[in-house]
Amino acid sequence: YGGSVNVQNAKEILGIDSVDGLLIGSASLELENFKTVISFL
């Protein structure tokens, strides 16, 4: 998925059956946010 991925929606997006990964953009600019999103994988 390559839309607006952030800490608030990443887990929900990954729960969609047809989604098998994320393209993280601005969420990667803050280290703690990036680490949180990565922890959902």
C-alpha atoms as a PDB file:
ATOM      1  CA  TYR A   1       0.000   0.000   0.000  1.00  0.00           C
ATOM      2  CA  GLY A   2       1.430   3.396  -0.937  1.00  0.00           C
ATOM      3  CA  GLY A   3      -1.131   5.886   0.350  1.00  0.00           C
ATOM      4  CA  SER A   4      -0.858   8.030   3.465  1.00  0.00           C
ATOM      5  CA  VAL A   5       0.634   5.535   5.895  1.00  0.00           C
ATOM      6  CA  ASN A   6       1.122   6.733   9.466  1.00  0.00           C
ATOM      7  CA  VAL A   7       1.179   5.422  13.024  1.00  0.00           C
ATOM      8  CA  GLN A   8      -2.593   5.801  13.336  1.00  0.00           C
ATOM      9  CA  ASN A   9      -3.559   3.755  10.262  1.00  0.00           C
ATOM     10  CA  ALA A  10      -0.669   1.370   9.501  1.00  0.00           C
ATOM     11  CA  LYS A  11      -1.964  -1.551  11.558  1.00  0.00           C
ATOM     12  CA  GLU A  12      -5.447  -1.244  10.039  1.00  0.00           C
ATOM     13  CA  ILE A  13      -4.053  -1.100   6.497  1.00  0.00           C
ATOM     14  CA  LEU A  14      -1.885  -4.166   7.103  1.00  0.00           C
ATOM     15  CA  GLY A  15      -5.017  -6.005   8.260  1.00  0.00           C
ATOM     16  CA  ILE A  16      -6.491  -5.809   4.756  1.00  0.00           C
ATOM     17  CA  ASP A  17      -6.103  -9.199   3.049  1.00  0.00           C
ATOM     18  CA  SER A  18      -4.927  -7.792  -0.279  1.00  0.00           C
ATOM     19  CA  VAL A  19      -2.188  -5.653   1.333  1.00  0.00           C
ATOM     20  CA  ASP A  20       1.197  -7.301   1.823  1.00  0.00           C
ATOM     21  CA  GLY A  21       3.392  -4.290   2.524  1.00  0.00           C
ATOM     22  CA  LEU A  22       3.621  -0.545   2.983  1.00  0.00           C
ATOM     23  CA  LEU A  23       5.380   2.291   1.195  1.00  0.00           C
ATOM     24  CA  ILE A  24       6.228   4.663   4.032  1.00  0.00           C
ATOM     25  CA  GLY A  25       6.739   8.318   3.134  1.00  0.00           C
ATOM     26  CA  SER A  26       6.501  11.187   5.612  1.00  0.00           C
ATOM     27  CA  ALA A  27       5.946   8.785   8.529  1.00  0.00           C
ATOM     28  CA  SER A  28       9.622   7.878   8.157  1.00  0.00           C
ATOM     29  CA  LEU A  29      10.798  11.416   8.921  1.00  0.00           C
ATOM     30  CA  GLU A  30      10.334  10.957  12.674  1.00  0.00           C
ATOM     31  CA  LEU A  31      12.385   8.014  13.939  1.00  0.00           C
ATOM     32  CA  GLU A  32       9.960   6.966  16.687  1.00  0.00           C
ATOM     33  CA  ASN A  33       7.002   7.014  14.284  1.00  0.00           C
ATOM     34  CA  PHE A  34       8.965   4.983  11.747  1.00  0.00           C
ATOM     35  CA  LYS A  35       9.961   2.423  14.384  1.00  0.00           C
ATOM     36  CA  THR A  36       6.337   2.109  15.501  1.00  0.00           C
ATOM     37  CA  VAL A  37       5.076   1.509  11.961  1.00  0.00           C
ATOM     38  CA  ILE A  38       7.843  -1.050  11.338  1.00  0.00           C
ATOM     39  CA  SER A  39       6.888  -2.887  14.533  1.00  0.00           C
ATOM     40  CA  PHE A  40       3.484  -3.651  12.967  1.00  0.00           C
ATOM     41  CA  LEU A  41       5.089  -5.688  10.168  1.00  0.00           C
END
